[in-house]
Protein backbone atom coordinates (compact mmCIF):
# COMPACT_ATOMS: atom_id res chain seq x y z
CA PHE A 1 -0.11 0.01 0.00
CA GLN A 2 1.30 3.50 -1.06
CA ILE A 3 4.69 1.99 -2.11
CA GLU A 4 3.47 -0.44 -4.99
CA SER A 5 3.82 1.64 -8.20
CA ARG A 6 6.80 0.96 -10.39
CA ALA A 7 8.36 4.40 -9.39
CA GLN A 8 7.98 3.59 -5.68
CA GLN A 9 9.43 0.02 -6.31
CA GLN A 10 12.36 1.53 -8.21
CA SER A 11 13.29 4.06 -5.63
CA LEU A 12 13.06 1.72 -2.76
CA TRP A 13 16.02 0.01 -4.26
CA GLN A 14 17.78 3.22 -3.93
CA SER A 15 16.63 4.55 -0.71
CA GLN A 16 16.87 1.30 1.32
CA PRO A 17 14.56 2.27 4.32
CA ARG A 18 15.81 1.09 7.46
CA GLU A 19 13.72 2.74 10.13
CA PHE A 20 10.24 4.00 10.23
CA ASN A 21 11.28 7.47 9.54
CA ASP A 22 12.92 6.41 6.25
CA LEU A 23 9.60 4.72 5.28
CA ILE A 24 7.71 8.13 5.86
CA VAL A 25 10.17 9.73 3.49
CA GLN A 26 9.58 7.02 0.98
CA VAL A 27 5.81 7.47 0.99
CA ALA A 28 6.10 11.29 0.70
CA ILE A 29 8.78 11.49 -1.97
CA ILE A 30 7.08 9.91 -5.07
CA ARG A 31 4.49 12.61 -5.33
CA PRO A 32 3.90 15.39 -7.70
CA GLY A 33 5.05 17.96 -5.32
CA PRO A 34 8.44 16.64 -4.69
CA ILE A 35 8.86 15.72 -8.41
CA GLN A 36 8.01 19.30 -9.34
CA GLY A 37 10.03 20.69 -6.74
CA ASP A 38 13.11 18.64 -7.92
CA ALA A 39 13.54 16.89 -4.55
CA VAL A 40 13.58 13.30 -5.58
CA ASN A 41 16.87 12.67 -7.37
CA PRO A 42 18.92 14.93 -5.01
CA TYR A 43 17.59 12.96 -2.01
CA LEU A 44 18.08 9.65 -3.55
CA ARG A 45 21.82 10.36 -4.37
CA ARG A 46 22.29 11.78 -1.02
CA ARG A 47 20.79 8.68 0.45
CA GLN A 48 23.26 6.53 -1.36
CA GLY A 49 26.10 8.71 -0.57
CA LEU A 50 26.61 9.71 -4.27
CA GLU A 51 26.67 13.33 -3.16
CA PRO A 52 27.08 15.36 -0.14
CA VAL A 53 24.09 16.86 1.63
CA THR A 54 24.15 20.51 1.21
CA TYR A 55 21.61 23.26 2.15
CA ALA A 56 20.84 26.51 -0.02
CA HIS A 57 21.45 28.60 2.99
CA PRO A 58 22.65 27.77 6.47
CA SER A 59 19.42 28.82 7.85
CA LEU A 60 17.63 25.91 6.35
CA GLU A 61 19.61 23.26 8.07
CA PRO A 62 17.65 22.94 11.08
CA ILE A 63 14.44 22.68 8.87
CA LEU A 64 15.76 20.19 6.15
CA SER A 65 18.31 17.95 7.94
CA GLU A 66 15.92 15.23 8.41
CA THR A 67 15.28 15.05 4.64
CA MET A 68 18.82 15.50 3.56
CA GLY A 69 18.53 19.22 2.41
CA VAL A 70 15.29 18.87 0.16
CA ILE A 71 11.64 19.89 0.85
CA LEU A 72 9.41 16.85 1.38
CA TYR A 73 6.72 18.02 3.68
CA GLN A 74 4.31 20.80 3.75
CA GLU A 75 5.41 21.60 7.52
CA GLN A 76 8.90 22.50 6.23
CA ILE A 77 7.48 25.23 3.77
CA LEU A 78 5.72 26.54 6.79
CA ARG A 79 8.84 26.63 8.91
CA ILE A 80 10.83 27.99 6.05
CA VAL A 81 8.41 31.03 5.58
CA MET A 82 8.15 31.60 9.19
CA GLU A 83 11.79 31.10 10.47
CA VAL A 84 13.76 32.31 7.22
CA ALA A 85 11.29 34.97 5.74
CA GLY A 86 9.79 36.03 9.20
CA TYR A 87 6.22 35.41 8.22
CA THR A 88 3.74 35.00 11.09
CA ALA A 89 1.89 31.65 11.67
CA GLY A 90 -1.39 33.15 9.81
CA GLU A 91 0.51 34.66 6.92
CA ALA A 92 2.55 31.42 6.45
CA ASP A 93 -0.49 29.50 6.10
CA ARG A 94 -2.04 31.93 3.68
CA PHE A 95 1.33 31.91 1.66
CA ARG A 96 1.03 28.14 1.58
CA ARG A 97 -2.69 28.08 0.51
CA ALA A 98 -2.03 30.91 -2.09
CA MET A 99 0.66 28.85 -3.83
CA ASN A 100 -1.72 25.72 -3.74
CA ARG A 101 -4.21 27.36 -5.95
CA HIS A 102 -3.88 28.06 -9.76
CA ARG A 103 -2.78 31.57 -9.81
CA SER A 104 -1.77 33.94 -12.64
CA ARG A 105 1.87 34.56 -13.52
CA VAL A 106 1.45 38.18 -11.99
CA GLU A 107 0.21 36.99 -8.78
CA MET A 108 2.93 34.46 -8.42
CA ASP A 109 5.48 37.13 -9.22
CA GLU A 110 3.90 39.17 -6.26
CA LEU A 111 4.20 36.21 -3.94
CA ARG A 112 7.92 35.59 -5.09
CA ASP A 113 8.92 39.07 -4.69
CA GLU A 114 7.64 39.48 -1.44
CA PHE A 115 9.29 36.19 -0.35
CA VAL A 116 12.53 37.16 -1.62
CA ARG A 117 12.36 40.71 -0.01
CA ARG A 118 11.48 39.14 3.40
CA CYS A 119 14.14 36.59 3.17
CA HIS A 120 16.84 39.05 2.66
CA GLU A 121 15.60 41.40 5.42
CA VAL A 122 15.04 38.73 7.94
CA SER A 123 17.93 36.27 7.55
CA GLU A 124 20.13 38.04 4.82
CA VAL A 125 19.61 35.41 2.38
CA PRO A 126 20.98 36.55 -1.30
CA SER A 127 18.01 37.29 -3.71
CA GLU A 128 19.17 34.43 -6.01
CA VAL A 129 19.32 31.79 -3.13
CA ALA A 130 15.96 33.12 -1.91
CA GLU A 131 14.41 32.76 -5.34
CA GLN A 132 15.89 29.17 -5.67
CA ILE A 133 14.04 28.43 -2.42
CA PHE A 134 10.88 29.92 -3.55
CA LYS A 135 10.99 27.93 -6.70
CA GLY A 136 11.38 24.55 -4.91
CA ALA A 137 8.45 25.46 -2.39
CA ALA A 138 6.30 26.53 -5.17
CA GLY A 139 6.93 23.24 -7.26
CA PHE A 140 6.27 21.24 -4.09
CA ALA A 141 3.15 23.07 -3.41
CA GLN A 142 1.29 21.63 -6.35
CA PHE A 143 0.93 18.39 -4.28
CA GLY A 144 2.93 17.46 -1.36
CA PHE A 145 2.15 15.65 1.90
CA CYS A 146 2.30 16.93 5.43
CA LYS A 147 4.41 14.70 7.66
CA SER A 148 1.58 13.49 9.81
CA HIS A 149 -0.24 12.28 6.57
CA ALA A 150 2.96 10.44 5.28
CA ALA A 151 3.36 8.85 8.66
CA ALA A 152 -0.14 7.52 8.66
CA PHE A 153 0.44 5.93 5.34
CA ALA A 154 3.98 4.69 6.35
CA ARG A 155 2.49 2.85 9.10
CA THR A 156 -0.19 1.23 7.01
CA ALA A 157 2.51 0.39 4.43
CA TYR A 158 4.59 -1.39 7.19
CA GLU A 159 1.82 -3.14 8.67
CA THR A 160 0.62 -4.49 5.18
CA ALA A 161 4.31 -5.49 4.34
CA TRP A 162 4.49 -7.33 7.70
CA LEU A 163 1.30 -9.17 6.87
CA ARG A 164 2.65 -10.11 3.42
CA LEU A 165 5.91 -11.43 4.89
CA HIS A 166 4.47 -13.35 7.82
CA HIS A 167 0.96 -14.26 6.56
CA PRO A 168 1.02 -14.15 2.80
CA ALA A 169 -1.86 -16.39 2.11
CA GLU A 170 -4.24 -14.47 4.26
CA TYR A 171 -2.81 -11.26 3.13
CA VAL A 172 -3.46 -11.86 -0.67
CA CYS A 173 -6.92 -13.60 0.24
CA ALA A 174 -7.79 -10.20 1.83
CA LEU A 175 -6.74 -8.29 -1.27
CA LEU A 176 -8.54 -10.52 -3.69
CA ASN A 177 -11.81 -9.95 -1.76
CA ALA A 178 -11.20 -6.30 -1.76
CA GLN A 179 -11.13 -5.93 -5.38
CA PRO A 180 -11.19 -3.72 -7.48
CA MET A 181 -8.49 -1.77 -5.78
CA GLY A 182 -4.69 -1.05 -5.98
CA PHE A 183 -2.20 -0.79 -8.80
CA TYR A 184 -2.32 -4.35 -10.07
CA HIS A 185 -4.84 -6.69 -11.66
CA PRO A 186 -5.87 -9.68 -9.27
CA SER A 187 -3.96 -12.19 -11.58
CA VAL A 188 -0.71 -10.17 -10.96
CA LEU A 189 -1.38 -10.52 -7.25
CA VAL A 190 -1.97 -14.19 -7.66
CA GLU A 191 1.20 -15.03 -9.52
CA ASP A 192 3.28 -12.92 -7.32
CA ALA A 193 1.96 -14.78 -4.24
CA LYS A 194 2.57 -18.13 -5.99
CA ARG A 195 6.34 -17.05 -6.52
CA HIS A 196 6.37 -16.50 -2.64
CA GLY A 197 5.06 -20.01 -1.86
CA VAL A 198 1.27 -19.38 -1.60
CA GLY A 199 -0.78 -22.03 -2.97
CA PHE A 200 -4.34 -21.47 -4.73
CA LEU A 201 -7.23 -23.79 -5.19
CA PRO A 202 -9.55 -23.25 -8.04
CA VAL A 203 -13.39 -22.67 -7.57
CA ASP A 204 -14.96 -25.69 -6.07
CA VAL A 205 -18.67 -26.28 -5.52
CA ALA A 206 -17.71 -28.62 -2.56
CA ARG A 207 -15.32 -26.18 -0.80
CA SER A 208 -15.67 -22.59 -2.12
CA ARG A 209 -17.63 -19.75 -0.61
CA ALA A 210 -19.21 -16.65 -1.77
CA ARG A 211 -15.59 -14.86 -1.43
CA CYS A 212 -12.16 -16.40 -1.16
CA THR A 213 -11.23 -18.25 1.96
CA ILE A 214 -8.25 -19.99 3.47
CA GLU A 215 -8.43 -23.84 3.05
CA ALA A 216 -5.56 -26.02 4.54
CA GLY A 217 -3.05 -23.02 4.34
CA ALA A 218 -3.86 -22.24 0.65
CA VAL A 219 -6.24 -19.60 -0.85
CA GLN A 220 -9.50 -21.24 -2.11
CA LEU A 221 -11.03 -19.01 -4.75
CA GLY A 222 -14.52 -18.03 -4.09
CA PHE A 223 -17.60 -17.85 -6.48
CA ASN A 224 -16.79 -14.11 -6.78
CA TYR A 225 -14.12 -14.87 -9.04
CA MET A 226 -16.52 -16.71 -11.61
CA LYS A 227 -17.93 -14.62 -14.49
CA ALA A 228 -21.75 -14.68 -14.81
CA ILE A 229 -22.42 -14.94 -11.03
CA GLY A 230 -23.71 -11.99 -9.35
CA PRO A 231 -23.79 -11.16 -5.49
CA THR A 232 -26.98 -12.81 -4.91
CA ALA A 233 -26.18 -15.90 -6.91
CA ARG A 234 -22.85 -16.27 -4.87
CA ALA A 235 -24.64 -16.28 -1.74
CA VAL A 236 -27.07 -19.16 -2.90
CA CYS A 237 -24.07 -20.91 -4.32
CA GLU A 238 -22.46 -20.74 -0.74
CA GLU A 239 -25.64 -22.30 0.51
CA ALA A 240 -25.65 -25.05 -1.88
CA THR A 241 -22.16 -25.91 -0.81
CA LEU A 242 -23.04 -25.87 2.87
CA ALA A 243 -26.04 -27.92 2.16
CA GLY A 244 -24.14 -30.57 0.60
CA ALA A 245 -25.88 -30.23 -2.65
CA THR A 246 -22.59 -30.44 -4.64
CA SER A 247 -23.38 -33.14 -7.51
CA LEU A 248 -24.29 -31.40 -10.97
CA ARG A 249 -27.84 -31.89 -10.83
CA ALA A 250 -28.26 -31.18 -6.88
CA PHE A 251 -26.29 -27.82 -7.30
CA TRP A 252 -28.27 -26.67 -10.08
CA GLN A 253 -31.64 -27.62 -8.67
CA HIS A 254 -30.49 -26.03 -5.49
CA THR A 255 -29.30 -22.75 -7.00
CA LEU A 256 -31.25 -22.23 -10.05
CA LEU A 257 -28.40 -20.56 -11.86
CA PRO A 258 -28.64 -19.41 -15.41
CA ARG A 259 -27.26 -21.84 -17.99
CA ARG A 260 -24.26 -19.79 -18.78
CA ALA A 261 -23.28 -19.67 -15.17
CA MET A 262 -23.28 -23.48 -14.88
CA GLU A 263 -21.38 -23.86 -18.04
CA ASN A 264 -18.89 -21.55 -16.53
CA LEU A 265 -18.58 -23.49 -13.33
CA VAL A 266 -18.14 -26.70 -15.32
CA LEU A 267 -15.49 -25.58 -17.63
CA ALA A 268 -13.45 -23.88 -14.66
CA GLY A 269 -13.44 -27.32 -12.85
CA ALA A 270 -15.70 -26.40 -10.03
CA PHE A 271 -17.28 -29.80 -10.21
CA ASP A 272 -14.12 -31.73 -10.74
CA GLY A 273 -14.05 -32.76 -6.98
CA ALA A 274 -17.84 -33.54 -6.74
CA GLU A 275 -18.06 -35.71 -9.79
CA PRO A 276 -14.62 -37.43 -9.63
CA GLY A 277 -13.39 -39.14 -12.93
CA ARG A 278 -15.92 -37.23 -15.21
CA PRO A 279 -14.48 -35.01 -17.99
CA ARG A 280 -15.74 -31.53 -17.92
CA ARG A 281 -16.90 -31.96 -21.51
CA GLU A 282 -19.11 -34.93 -20.37
CA LEU A 283 -20.57 -32.89 -17.56
CA LEU A 284 -21.21 -30.01 -20.28
CA TRP A 285 -23.02 -32.68 -22.17
CA GLU A 286 -25.22 -33.61 -19.22
CA LEU A 287 -26.42 -29.89 -18.48
CA LYS A 288 -29.19 -30.22 -21.08
CA GLN A 289 -30.73 -33.18 -19.21
CA VAL A 290 -30.53 -31.39 -15.91
CA GLU A 291 -31.86 -28.13 -17.43
CA GLU A 292 -35.21 -29.84 -18.37
CA SER A 293 -35.84 -30.93 -14.53
CA LEU A 294 -35.73 -27.12 -13.61
CA PRO A 295 -38.46 -24.70 -13.10
CA ALA A 296 -39.56 -22.90 -16.36
CA ARG A 297 -38.20 -19.32 -16.78
CA GLY A 298 -40.49 -16.51 -16.02
CA SER A 299 -43.02 -18.37 -13.83
CA GLU A 300 -45.01 -16.23 -11.50
CA GLY A 301 -45.29 -16.66 -7.78
CA ARG A 302 -43.72 -16.32 -4.19
CA MET A 303 -40.11 -17.00 -3.95
CA GLU A 304 -39.68 -20.01 -1.30
CA PRO A 305 -36.76 -19.63 1.32
CA ALA A 306 -33.75 -21.69 1.04
CA PRO A 307 -34.15 -25.22 2.85
CA THR A 308 -31.20 -24.64 4.84
CA GLY A 309 -33.02 -22.51 7.26
CA SER A 310 -31.42 -19.36 6.09
CA SER A 311 -33.63 -16.25 5.58
CA ARG A 312 -32.09 -15.48 2.14
CA ARG A 313 -34.34 -16.28 -0.88
CA ARG A 314 -33.41 -17.99 -3.86
CA PRO A 315 -32.55 -15.76 -6.87
CA PRO A 316 -34.49 -15.95 -10.11
CA ARG A 317 -33.14 -17.81 -13.06
CA GLY A 318 -32.06 -15.93 -15.96
CA ARG A 319 -30.44 -12.52 -16.14
CA GLY A 320 -31.47 -11.78 -12.70
CA ALA A 321 -29.13 -14.31 -11.22
CA LEU A 322 -26.44 -12.66 -13.25
CA ALA A 323 -26.75 -9.34 -11.75
CA GLY A 324 -27.71 -10.43 -8.31
CA ASN A 325 -31.45 -9.36 -8.32
CA ARG A 326 -33.99 -7.37 -10.35
CA LEU A 327 -35.59 -4.48 -8.42
CA GLY A 328 -39.24 -4.19 -9.04
CA ALA A 329 -39.61 -7.43 -11.03
CA PRO A 330 -42.18 -10.03 -9.76
CA ALA A 331 -40.77 -12.93 -7.85
CA PRO A 332 -40.76 -16.23 -9.62
CA ALA A 333 -42.02 -19.45 -8.07
CA VAL A 334 -39.27 -21.88 -7.04
CA ARG A 335 -40.46 -25.58 -6.99
CA ARG A 336 -39.93 -27.50 -3.81
CA VAL A 337 -38.41 -30.56 -4.81
CA ASP A 338 -38.87 -32.30 -1.72
CA ALA A 339 -42.58 -31.35 -1.61
CA ASP A 340 -43.41 -31.97 -5.31
CA PRO A 341 -41.14 -34.65 -6.74
CA LEU A 342 -40.21 -34.25 -10.40
CA PRO A 343 -41.31 -36.72 -13.12
CA ALA A 344 -38.72 -38.89 -14.41
CA LEU A 345 -36.67 -37.57 -17.15
CA LEU A 346 -36.78 -39.23 -20.66
CA GLU A 347 -33.57 -40.84 -21.64
CA ALA A 348 -31.55 -38.92 -24.20
CA PRO A 349 -31.87 -40.54 -27.83
CA ALA A 350 -28.11 -41.14 -27.88
CA PRO A 351 -25.34 -41.67 -25.08
CA PRO A 352 -22.92 -38.98 -24.73
CA PRO A 353 -20.21 -39.03 -27.34
CA SER A 354 -16.58 -39.79 -26.49
CA LEU A 355 -15.11 -36.44 -25.91
CA PRO A 356 -11.45 -35.73 -25.26
CA GLU A 357 -10.30 -34.46 -21.79
CA MET A 358 -9.00 -30.84 -21.58
CA ASN A 359 -5.09 -30.79 -21.15
CA GLU A 360 -3.51 -28.72 -18.46
CA ARG A 361 -2.87 -25.77 -21.05
CA THR A 362 -6.38 -25.60 -21.95
CA LYS A 363 -7.54 -25.70 -18.33
CA VAL A 364 -5.41 -22.74 -17.45
CA LEU A 365 -6.36 -20.50 -20.38
CA THR A 366 -10.05 -21.50 -19.68
CA GLU A 367 -9.64 -20.50 -16.02
CA TYR A 368 -8.18 -17.14 -17.24
CA ALA A 369 -10.98 -16.48 -19.74
CA LEU A 370 -13.70 -17.33 -16.90
CA SER A 371 -12.11 -15.70 -13.75
CA GLU A 372 -9.14 -13.52 -15.05
CA VAL A 373 -6.88 -15.50 -12.54
CA SER A 374 -5.43 -19.07 -12.73
CA THR A 375 -4.43 -21.38 -9.99
CA GLY A 376 -2.39 -23.48 -12.33
CA ARG A 377 0.87 -22.81 -14.12
CA HIS A 378 1.55 -19.40 -15.62
CA PRO A 379 0.35 -19.19 -19.40
CA LEU A 380 3.85 -18.27 -20.36
CA SER A 381 5.41 -21.58 -19.05
CA PHE A 382 3.61 -23.68 -21.62
CA ILE A 383 5.45 -21.65 -24.62
CA ARG A 384 8.77 -21.15 -22.87
CA ASN A 385 10.60 -23.21 -25.59
CA GLN A 386 9.22 -21.21 -28.40
CA LEU A 387 10.13 -17.97 -26.60
CA THR A 388 13.59 -19.43 -26.22
CA SER A 389 13.70 -20.36 -29.80
CA LEU A 390 13.05 -16.51 -30.60
CA GLY A 391 15.99 -15.47 -28.43
CA CYS A 392 13.80 -14.24 -25.66
CA ARG A 393 15.54 -14.41 -22.12
CA PRO A 394 13.38 -15.16 -19.09
CA LEU A 395 12.75 -11.94 -17.05
CA ALA A 396 14.23 -13.36 -13.94
CA THR A 397 17.70 -13.45 -15.59
CA VAL A 398 17.80 -9.99 -16.91
CA ARG A 399 18.76 -8.40 -13.62
CA ASP A 400 22.10 -9.99 -13.70
CA LEU A 401 23.15 -8.62 -17.09
CA ALA A 402 25.38 -5.50 -17.28
CA ASP A 403 24.10 -2.02 -17.85
CA GLY A 404 23.80 -1.31 -21.54
CA THR A 405 23.35 -4.81 -22.67
CA THR A 406 21.02 -5.30 -25.70
CA VAL A 407 18.42 -7.87 -24.64
CA ARG A 408 15.05 -9.39 -25.95
CA VAL A 409 12.47 -10.39 -23.81
CA ALA A 410 8.78 -11.53 -23.92
CA GLY A 411 5.74 -11.20 -21.53
CA LEU A 412 2.34 -10.25 -20.65
CA VAL A 413 1.73 -6.57 -20.21
CA ILE A 414 0.37 -5.98 -16.58
CA ALA A 415 0.43 -2.38 -16.59
CA ARG A 416 0.58 0.69 -18.98
CA GLN A 417 1.43 4.21 -17.82
CA ALA A 418 1.49 7.55 -19.71
CA PRO A 419 1.99 10.33 -16.97
CA ALA A 420 1.16 13.73 -17.92
CA SER A 421 4.55 15.01 -16.53
CA ALA A 422 6.70 12.41 -18.64
CA SER A 423 7.07 14.58 -21.56
CA GLY A 424 5.65 12.00 -23.95
CA PHE A 425 7.48 8.89 -22.31
CA ARG A 426 5.47 5.72 -21.54
CA PHE A 427 6.09 3.03 -19.17
CA PHE A 428 4.98 -0.59 -19.30
CA THR A 429 5.47 -3.53 -17.12
CA LEU A 430 6.04 -7.17 -18.49
CA ALA A 431 5.47 -10.38 -16.45
CA ASP A 432 6.40 -13.92 -17.11
CA GLU A 433 6.18 -17.03 -15.03
CA ASP A 434 9.04 -15.84 -12.74
CA ALA A 435 9.53 -12.18 -12.52
CA HIS A 436 8.67 -8.58 -13.75
CA LEU A 437 10.48 -5.97 -15.97
CA ASP A 438 9.84 -2.44 -16.37
CA LEU A 439 10.00 -0.80 -19.84
CA ILE A 440 10.68 2.67 -21.06
CA PHE A 441 9.30 3.79 -24.27
CA ARG A 442 10.75 7.15 -25.73
CA PRO A 443 8.51 9.51 -27.42
CA ALA A 444 9.76 8.30 -30.91
CA VAL A 445 9.32 4.74 -30.04
CA VAL A 446 5.78 5.38 -28.70
CA THR A 447 4.61 7.12 -32.05
CA ARG A 448 6.24 4.13 -34.00
CA THR A 449 4.87 1.18 -31.85
CA ARG A 450 1.49 2.61 -30.28
CA ARG A 451 -0.91 0.36 -32.44
CA ILE A 452 1.06 -2.81 -31.47
CA ALA A 453 2.05 -1.93 -27.85
CA ASN A 454 -1.35 -0.75 -26.71
CA HIS A 455 -3.64 -3.46 -28.00
CA ASN A 456 -1.71 -6.82 -27.53
CA PRO A 457 -1.50 -8.67 -24.21
CA LEU A 458 1.76 -10.64 -25.40
CA LEU A 459 4.71 -8.66 -26.52
CA MET A 460 8.27 -9.46 -27.50
CA VAL A 461 10.54 -6.40 -27.06
CA GLU A 462 14.03 -5.70 -27.69
CA GLY A 463 16.13 -2.73 -26.18
CA ARG A 464 18.95 -1.63 -24.10
CA LEU A 465 19.33 -2.50 -20.58
CA GLN A 466 19.50 -0.03 -17.63
CA ASN A 467 20.85 -1.65 -14.48
CA GLN A 468 22.01 1.02 -12.16
CA ARG A 469 22.35 0.50 -8.38
CA GLY A 470 19.29 -1.97 -8.54
CA ARG A 471 17.11 -0.05 -10.79
CA VAL A 472 16.45 -2.33 -13.62
CA ASN A 473 14.68 -0.82 -16.89
CA LEU A 474 14.63 -1.84 -20.44
CA VAL A 475 14.61 1.05 -22.93
CA VAL A 476 12.52 -0.29 -25.83
CA GLU A 477 13.50 -0.06 -29.25
CA THR A 478 11.39 -2.72 -31.11
CA VAL A 479 7.98 -4.19 -30.21
CA VAL A 480 6.39 -7.40 -31.85
CA ALA A 481 3.14 -8.75 -30.92
CA LEU A 482 2.94 -12.63 -30.33
CA ASP A 483 -0.11 -14.93 -30.57
CA GLY A 484 -1.05 -17.41 -27.83
CA ASP A 485 1.63 -19.93 -29.18
CA GLY A 486 4.38 -17.38 -29.05
CA VAL A 487 4.38 -16.87 -32.84
CA PRO A 488 5.00 -13.35 -34.04
CA LEU A 489 1.96 -11.72 -35.50
CA PRO A 490 1.88 -9.62 -38.86
CA THR A 491 1.56 -5.92 -37.99
CA GLY A 492 -1.95 -5.13 -37.29
CA ALA A 493 -3.14 -8.68 -36.69
CA PRO A 494 -5.22 -9.01 -33.51
CA THR A 495 -3.97 -11.36 -30.52
CA THR A 496 -6.48 -13.99 -29.59
CA MET A 497 -4.65 -15.11 -26.53
CA ALA A 498 -6.93 -15.58 -23.44
CA ALA A 499 -5.09 -13.24 -20.91
CA PRO A 500 -6.14 -11.02 -18.00
CA PRO A 501 -6.24 -7.23 -18.83
CA SER A 502 -3.51 -4.88 -17.90
CA HIS A 503 -4.22 -1.88 -15.55
CA ASP A 504 -3.77 1.06 -17.98
CA PHE A 505 -3.06 4.51 -16.76
CA ARG A 506 -2.96 6.48 -20.03
């Protein structure tokens, strides 16, 4: 939390927080204010011992010593204005608020002239130094934290980092249940947790609940990670699980889910444990028989309570179950199976055909398509040999290469960024089965590769490596889109690979 962006992660390698105050600085420094005030690079260089700590004027040392001579907190601006320029507390606060607002150039010139004059009169600060101080304060005032605000976030950052280290399964389970949130797609959180030893179990009609839970030390995906199952339907699915109605027939009769939702559950393997030894495609074939035993769609009447004794009512079949409920719609009747036994079904005119079992790769890609996360292998692990034949290095090996090395890699795009302050540069993050790598696109490369880079989930890129004191980036020169088998696509051809979407900040 607060230190999860690529900019924060890269600066963490340089700042190496060792105590709580270091973490307060880290939370506060990657913000528009310190960036506009030119505080980030000087602080990080001084933190690493690459340049000495200096102050624009000796009167600033008592104020800026804790942040190595740069302005990071709003309180520091107030102290500078009061102690160096001689403003009263009220005048200092009005000065701070005045710089926070969008003001005309004339108004800013008036603020600067008064500040420079008073610095010279009170502390004998030379005019050129006072103007330098004002410039840093004005840039910071665009958006900067007060120290107490940064300290509160730093505490939360420390606590969540502690949880991630000591209770990784519970931590990622909570994050998955809190989506949508944060900087990364749930699939990124799942793959990262896998690399740190956390196990994941797929949706299972015999074990899953409405939301993700912990099962024998692993994260059990909940019905909330299945497409076509809305909030009300998730609750009824949980009731069916608790009632032991876990066979294909019993589960559908209990939940009355729409056909599409049942197909998704079957394809995602939710019935693999409850129907052992039966291929998923065979279960799909059986759905038609079971469907004929369900109440007709759109029937009128009163909704019956669930037989488990819960006060929750069963959802209607059809689109209402997808969305959770349909406000204002008449409640459909639900046939009580125990009170009104169904007539025997007619036998199908032909037995199910011999259908091939889904292989592991198909199961993984199907799970991605239906839930946007996968509890199995990473999809790129199935095409690693093909990527190697194209000359692509695994991302985990790139960090060991020397600065300036030309390298080719491939991965799924998990984030795209185009900050307004980046002067046309764009920043991507690639992921494969073992690691992440940050990419830098210069403006000319952005223009040349935009059509490919923006609309394809699987990319092969080549460029020059930047490896400087823990900060690793690839400055991109060429971009090629790959299909799901790792085969280069012609320019303009769409990728059909089932993959989770990236988080795009354009």
